[in-house]
PDB file of all heavy atoms in Angstrom:
ATOM      1  N   VAL A   1     112.687 119.712 118.703  1.00  0.00           N
ATOM      2  CA  VAL A   1     111.842 120.903 118.619  1.00  0.00           C
ATOM      3  C   VAL A   1     111.696 121.221 117.167  1.00  0.00           C
ATOM      4  O   VAL A   1     112.637 121.087 116.420  1.00  0.00           O
ATOM      5  CB  VAL A   1     112.508 122.030 119.450  1.00  0.00           C
ATOM      6  CG1 VAL A   1     113.830 122.437 118.927  1.00  0.00           C
ATOM      7  CG2 VAL A   1     111.647 123.218 119.568  1.00  0.00           C
ATOM      8  N   THR A   2     110.514 121.674 116.777  1.00  0.00           N
ATOM      9  CA  THR A   2     110.275 122.052 115.343  1.00  0.00           C
ATOM     10  C   THR A   2     109.730 123.530 115.291  1.00  0.00           C
ATOM     11  O   THR A   2     109.173 124.013 116.225  1.00  0.00           O
ATOM     12  CB  THR A   2     109.262 121.058 114.784  1.00  0.00           C
ATOM     13  OG1 THR A   2     108.045 121.134 115.451  1.00  0.00           O
ATOM     14  CG2 THR A   2     109.768 119.631 114.695  1.00  0.00           C
ATOM     15  N   LEU A   3     109.930 124.083 114.133  1.00  0.00           N
ATOM     16  CA  LEU A   3     109.426 125.444 113.854  1.00  0.00           C
ATOM     17  C   LEU A   3     108.627 125.379 112.600  1.00  0.00           C
ATOM     18  O   LEU A   3     109.233 125.174 111.472  1.00  0.00           O
ATOM     19  CB  LEU A   3     110.561 126.400 113.752  1.00  0.00           C
ATOM     20  CG  LEU A   3     110.133 127.822 113.603  1.00  0.00           C
ATOM     21  CD1 LEU A   3     109.508 128.409 114.884  1.00  0.00           C
ATOM     22  CD2 LEU A   3     111.358 128.737 113.215  1.00  0.00           C
ATOM     23  N   ALA A   4     107.337 125.402 112.680  1.00  0.00           N
ATOM     24  CA  ALA A   4     106.499 125.468 111.525  1.00  0.00           C
ATOM     25  C   ALA A   4     106.295 126.877 111.123  1.00  0.00           C
ATOM     26  O   ALA A   4     105.859 127.677 111.794  1.00  0.00           O
ATOM     27  CB  ALA A   4     105.148 124.780 111.846  1.00  0.00           C
ATOM     28  N   MET A   5     106.661 127.152 109.831  1.00  0.00           N
ATOM     29  CA  MET A   5     106.613 128.489 109.350  1.00  0.00           C
ATOM     30  C   MET A   5     105.666 128.592 108.181  1.00  0.00           C
ATOM     31  O   MET A   5     105.677 127.757 107.221  1.00  0.00           O
ATOM     32  CB  MET A   5     108.017 128.886 108.829  1.00  0.00           C
ATOM     33  CG  MET A   5     109.077 128.705 109.953  1.00  0.00           C
ATOM     34  SD  MET A   5     110.730 129.289 109.402  1.00  0.00           S
ATOM     35  CE  MET A   5     111.067 128.120 108.123  1.00  0.00           C
ATOM     36  N   HIS A   6     104.711 129.540 108.246  1.00  0.00           N
ATOM     37  CA  HIS A   6     103.736 129.705 107.175  1.00  0.00           C
ATOM     38  C   HIS A   6     103.771 131.147 106.630  1.00  0.00           C
ATOM     39  O   HIS A   6     104.319 132.064 107.254  1.00  0.00           O
ATOM     40  CB  HIS A   6     102.273 129.420 107.803  1.00  0.00           C
ATOM     41  CG  HIS A   6     102.220 128.050 108.457  1.00  0.00           C
ATOM     42  ND1 HIS A   6     102.148 126.908 107.686  1.00  0.00           N
ATOM     43  CD2 HIS A   6     102.188 127.654 109.735  1.00  0.00           C
ATOM     44  CE1 HIS A   6     101.998 125.857 108.480  1.00  0.00           C
ATOM     45  NE2 HIS A   6     102.080 126.308 109.799  1.00  0.00           N
ATOM     46  N   SER A   7     103.099 131.233 105.459  1.00  0.00           N
ATOM     47  CA  SER A   7     103.072 132.547 104.818  1.00  0.00           C
ATOM     48  C   SER A   7     104.452 133.195 104.796  1.00  0.00           C
ATOM     49  O   SER A   7     104.612 134.405 105.164  1.00  0.00           O
ATOM     50  CB  SER A   7     102.053 133.497 105.543  1.00  0.00           C
ATOM     51  OG  SER A   7     100.777 132.844 105.606  1.00  0.00           O
ATOM     52  N   LEU A   8     105.391 132.583 104.320  1.00  0.00           N
ATOM     53  CA  LEU A   8     106.792 132.974 104.338  1.00  0.00           C
ATOM     54  C   LEU A   8     106.915 134.168 103.440  1.00  0.00           C
ATOM     55  O   LEU A   8     106.293 134.262 102.374  1.00  0.00           O
ATOM     56  CB  LEU A   8     107.721 131.883 103.907  1.00  0.00           C
ATOM     57  CG  LEU A   8     107.942 130.815 105.040  1.00  0.00           C
ATOM     58  CD1 LEU A   8     108.548 129.619 104.447  1.00  0.00           C
ATOM     59  CD2 LEU A   8     108.939 131.478 106.112  1.00  0.00           C
ATOM     60  N   LYS A   9     107.814 135.104 103.893  1.00  0.00           N
ATOM     61  CA  LYS A   9     108.072 136.344 103.178  1.00  0.00           C
ATOM     62  C   LYS A   9     109.579 136.363 102.863  1.00  0.00           C
ATOM     63  O   LYS A   9     110.425 135.666 103.511  1.00  0.00           O
ATOM     64  CB  LYS A   9     107.752 137.531 104.057  1.00  0.00           C
ATOM     65  CG  LYS A   9     106.345 137.539 104.639  1.00  0.00           C
ATOM     66  CD  LYS A   9     106.182 138.663 105.579  1.00  0.00           C
ATOM     67  CE  LYS A   9     104.848 138.625 106.249  1.00  0.00           C
ATOM     68  NZ  LYS A   9     104.685 139.746 107.275  1.00  0.00           N
ATOM     69  N   ALA A  10     109.871 137.247 101.900  1.00  0.00           N
ATOM     70  CA  ALA A  10     111.350 137.398 101.547  1.00  0.00           C
ATOM     71  C   ALA A  10     112.148 137.763 102.770  1.00  0.00           C
ATOM     72  O   ALA A  10     113.294 137.367 102.960  1.00  0.00           O
ATOM     73  CB  ALA A  10     111.442 138.476 100.403  1.00  0.00           C
ATOM     74  N   ASP A  11     111.602 138.569 103.668  1.00  0.00           N
ATOM     75  CA  ASP A  11     112.249 139.042 104.911  1.00  0.00           C
ATOM     76  C   ASP A  11     112.568 137.864 105.839  1.00  0.00           C
ATOM     77  O   ASP A  11     113.245 138.120 106.789  1.00  0.00           O
ATOM     78  CB  ASP A  11     111.409 140.060 105.578  1.00  0.00           C
ATOM     79  CG  ASP A  11     111.466 141.460 104.942  1.00  0.00           C
ATOM     80  OD1 ASP A  11     112.240 141.561 103.957  1.00  0.00           O
ATOM     81  OD2 ASP A  11     110.623 142.279 105.272  1.00  0.00           O
ATOM     82  N   ASP A  12     111.950 136.704 105.671  1.00  0.00           N
ATOM     83  CA  ASP A  12     112.263 135.565 106.492  1.00  0.00           C
ATOM     84  C   ASP A  12     113.504 134.836 106.072  1.00  0.00           C
ATOM     85  O   ASP A  12     113.906 133.926 106.734  1.00  0.00           O
ATOM     86  CB  ASP A  12     111.052 134.588 106.502  1.00  0.00           C
ATOM     87  CG  ASP A  12     109.787 135.202 107.064  1.00  0.00           C
ATOM     88  OD1 ASP A  12     109.805 135.886 108.129  1.00  0.00           O
ATOM     89  OD2 ASP A  12     108.686 134.974 106.471  1.00  0.00           O
ATOM     90  N   THR A  13     114.068 135.291 104.979  1.00  0.00           N
ATOM     91  CA  THR A  13     115.274 134.650 104.489  1.00  0.00           C
ATOM     92  C   THR A  13     116.381 134.836 105.495  1.00  0.00           C
ATOM     93  O   THR A  13     116.750 135.933 105.900  1.00  0.00           O
ATOM     94  CB  THR A  13     115.705 135.256 103.120  1.00  0.00           C
ATOM     95  OG1 THR A  13     114.750 134.953 102.123  1.00  0.00           O
ATOM     96  CG2 THR A  13     117.116 134.721 102.685  1.00  0.00           C
ATOM     97  N   ALA A  14     117.011 133.759 105.939  1.00  0.00           N
ATOM     98  CA  ALA A  14     118.104 133.797 106.980  1.00  0.00           C
ATOM     99  C   ALA A  14     118.616 132.372 107.266  1.00  0.00           C
ATOM    100  O   ALA A  14     117.947 131.439 106.736  1.00  0.00           O
ATOM    101  CB  ALA A  14     117.546 134.411 108.283  1.00  0.00           C
ATOM    102  N   VAL A  15     119.672 132.298 107.966  1.00  0.00           N
ATOM    103  CA  VAL A  15     120.110 131.056 108.548  1.00  0.00           C
ATOM    104  C   VAL A  15     119.339 130.923 109.933  1.00  0.00           C
ATOM    105  O   VAL A  15     119.395 131.889 110.703  1.00  0.00           O
ATOM    106  CB  VAL A  15     121.615 130.988 108.783  1.00  0.00           C
ATOM    107  CG1 VAL A  15     121.987 129.645 109.429  1.00  0.00           C
ATOM    108  CG2 VAL A  15     122.323 131.176 107.436  1.00  0.00           C
ATOM    109  N   TYR A  16     118.674 129.786 110.109  1.00  0.00           N
ATOM    110  CA  TYR A  16     117.944 129.567 111.303  1.00  0.00           C
ATOM    111  C   TYR A  16     118.662 128.652 112.275  1.00  0.00           C
ATOM    112  O   TYR A  16     119.241 127.611 111.862  1.00  0.00           O
ATOM    113  CB  TYR A  16     116.565 129.032 110.960  1.00  0.00           C
ATOM    114  CG  TYR A  16     115.610 129.982 110.446  1.00  0.00           C
ATOM    115  CD1 TYR A  16     115.802 130.597 109.163  1.00  0.00           C
ATOM    116  CD2 TYR A  16     114.549 130.423 111.187  1.00  0.00           C
ATOM    117  CE1 TYR A  16     114.962 131.516 108.658  1.00  0.00           C
ATOM    118  CE2 TYR A  16     113.676 131.478 110.704  1.00  0.00           C
ATOM    119  CZ  TYR A  16     113.890 132.008 109.449  1.00  0.00           C
ATOM    120  OH  TYR A  16     113.066 132.932 108.962  1.00  0.00           O
ATOM    121  N   TYR A  17     118.761 129.092 113.532  1.00  0.00           N
ATOM    122  CA  TYR A  17     119.558 128.359 114.572  1.00  0.00           C
ATOM    123  C   TYR A  17     118.681 127.827 115.622  1.00  0.00           C
ATOM    124  O   TYR A  17     117.767 128.596 116.156  1.00  0.00           O
ATOM    125  CB  TYR A  17     120.572 129.299 115.123  1.00  0.00           C
ATOM    126  CG  TYR A  17     121.653 129.694 114.139  1.00  0.00           C
ATOM    127  CD1 TYR A  17     121.513 130.954 113.491  1.00  0.00           C
ATOM    128  CD2 TYR A  17     122.855 128.969 113.933  1.00  0.00           C
ATOM    129  CE1 TYR A  17     122.504 131.370 112.528  1.00  0.00           C
ATOM    130  CE2 TYR A  17     123.787 129.357 113.049  1.00  0.00           C
ATOM    131  CZ  TYR A  17     123.668 130.541 112.323  1.00  0.00           C
ATOM    132  OH  TYR A  17     124.608 130.985 111.512  1.00  0.00           O
ATOM    133  N   CYS A  18     118.866 126.686 116.108  1.00  0.00           N
ATOM    134  CA  CYS A  18     118.244 126.125 117.237  1.00  0.00           C
ATOM    135  C   CYS A  18     119.210 126.325 118.459  1.00  0.00           C
ATOM    136  O   CYS A  18     120.413 126.332 118.337  1.00  0.00           O
ATOM    137  CB  CYS A  18     118.077 124.648 117.021  1.00  0.00           C
ATOM    138  SG  CYS A  18     117.426 123.707 118.433  1.00  0.00           S
ATOM    139  N   ALA A  19     118.651 126.662 119.638  1.00  0.00           N
ATOM    140  CA  ALA A  19     119.391 126.971 120.806  1.00  0.00           C
ATOM    141  C   ALA A  19     118.823 126.349 122.038  1.00  0.00           C
ATOM    142  O   ALA A  19     117.604 126.147 122.070  1.00  0.00           O
ATOM    143  CB  ALA A  19     119.573 128.467 121.009  1.00  0.00           C
ATOM    144  N   ALA A  20     119.672 125.994 123.003  1.00  0.00           N
ATOM    145  CA  ALA A  20     119.163 125.325 124.261  1.00  0.00           C
ATOM    146  C   ALA A  20     119.757 126.025 125.433  1.00  0.00           C
ATOM    147  O   ALA A  20     120.960 126.407 125.438  1.00  0.00           O
ATOM    148  CB  ALA A  20     119.564 123.851 124.249  1.00  0.00           C
ATOM    149  N   HIS A  21     118.949 126.084 126.473  1.00  0.00           N
ATOM    150  CA  HIS A  21     119.348 126.767 127.743  1.00  0.00           C
ATOM    151  C   HIS A  21     118.916 125.898 128.912  1.00  0.00           C
ATOM    152  O   HIS A  21     117.742 125.653 129.120  1.00  0.00           O
ATOM    153  CB  HIS A  21     118.753 128.156 127.830  1.00  0.00           C
ATOM    154  CG  HIS A  21     118.888 128.756 129.183  1.00  0.00           C
ATOM    155  ND1 HIS A  21     120.057 128.965 129.842  1.00  0.00           N
ATOM    156  CD2 HIS A  21     117.948 129.223 130.084  1.00  0.00           C
ATOM    157  CE1 HIS A  21     119.936 129.529 131.001  1.00  0.00           C
ATOM    158  NE2 HIS A  21     118.616 129.651 131.202  1.00  0.00           N
ATOM    159  N   ARG A  22     119.781 125.442 129.693  1.00  0.00           N
ATOM    160  CA  ARG A  22     119.539 124.610 130.862  1.00  0.00           C
ATOM    161  C   ARG A  22     119.010 125.582 131.971  1.00  0.00           C
ATOM    162  O   ARG A  22     119.643 126.597 132.253  1.00  0.00           O
ATOM    163  CB  ARG A  22     120.790 123.912 131.373  1.00  0.00           C
ATOM    164  CG  ARG A  22     120.463 122.966 132.571  1.00  0.00           C
ATOM    165  CD  ARG A  22     121.739 122.268 133.044  1.00  0.00           C
ATOM    166  NE  ARG A  22     121.465 121.484 134.279  1.00  0.00           N
ATOM    167  CZ  ARG A  22     121.092 120.286 134.330  1.00  0.00           C
ATOM    168  NH1 ARG A  22     121.023 119.600 133.209  1.00  0.00           N
ATOM    169  NH2 ARG A  22     120.903 119.660 135.535  1.00  0.00           N
ATOM    170  N   THR A  23     117.825 125.216 132.550  1.00  0.00           N
ATOM    171  CA  THR A  23     117.250 126.097 133.520  1.00  0.00           C
ATOM    172  C   THR A  23     116.481 125.222 134.527  1.00  0.00           C
ATOM    173  O   THR A  23     115.945 124.152 134.182  1.00  0.00           O
ATOM    174  CB  THR A  23     116.347 127.084 132.926  1.00  0.00           C
ATOM    175  OG1 THR A  23     115.653 127.819 133.967  1.00  0.00           O
ATOM    176  CG2 THR A  23     115.250 126.431 132.047  1.00  0.00           C
ATOM    177  N   LYS A  24     116.412 125.693 135.751  1.00  0.00           N
ATOM    178  CA  LYS A  24     115.608 125.045 136.734  1.00  0.00           C
ATOM    179  C   LYS A  24     114.142 125.402 136.672  1.00  0.00           C
ATOM    180  O   LYS A  24     113.288 124.755 137.329  1.00  0.00           O
ATOM    181  CB  LYS A  24     116.158 125.286 138.144  1.00  0.00           C
ATOM    182  CG  LYS A  24     116.041 126.772 138.601  1.00  0.00           C
ATOM    183  CD  LYS A  24     116.619 127.025 139.947  1.00  0.00           C
ATOM    184  CE  LYS A  24     116.517 128.407 140.340  1.00  0.00           C
ATOM    185  NZ  LYS A  24     117.136 128.670 141.743  1.00  0.00           N
ATOM    186  N   PHE A  25     113.853 126.508 135.948  1.00  0.00           N
ATOM    187  CA  PHE A  25     112.463 126.979 135.860  1.00  0.00           C
ATOM    188  C   PHE A  25     111.712 126.321 134.744  1.00  0.00           C
ATOM    189  O   PHE A  25     112.182 126.218 133.533  1.00  0.00           O
ATOM    190  CB  PHE A  25     112.555 128.467 135.622  1.00  0.00           C
ATOM    191  CG  PHE A  25     113.203 129.211 136.691  1.00  0.00           C
ATOM    192  CD1 PHE A  25     114.450 129.880 136.417  1.00  0.00           C
ATOM    193  CD2 PHE A  25     112.663 129.327 137.988  1.00  0.00           C
ATOM    194  CE1 PHE A  25     115.156 130.564 137.371  1.00  0.00           C
ATOM    195  CE2 PHE A  25     113.373 130.056 138.925  1.00  0.00           C
ATOM    196  CZ  PHE A  25     114.572 130.600 138.720  1.00  0.00           C
TER     197      PHE A  25
END
């Protein structure tokens, strides 16, 4: 999974985490 980020701002500064949830839906 990828996250394409554009027009980045100073407020976007952070540690970015990927997460997964097993679901039947």
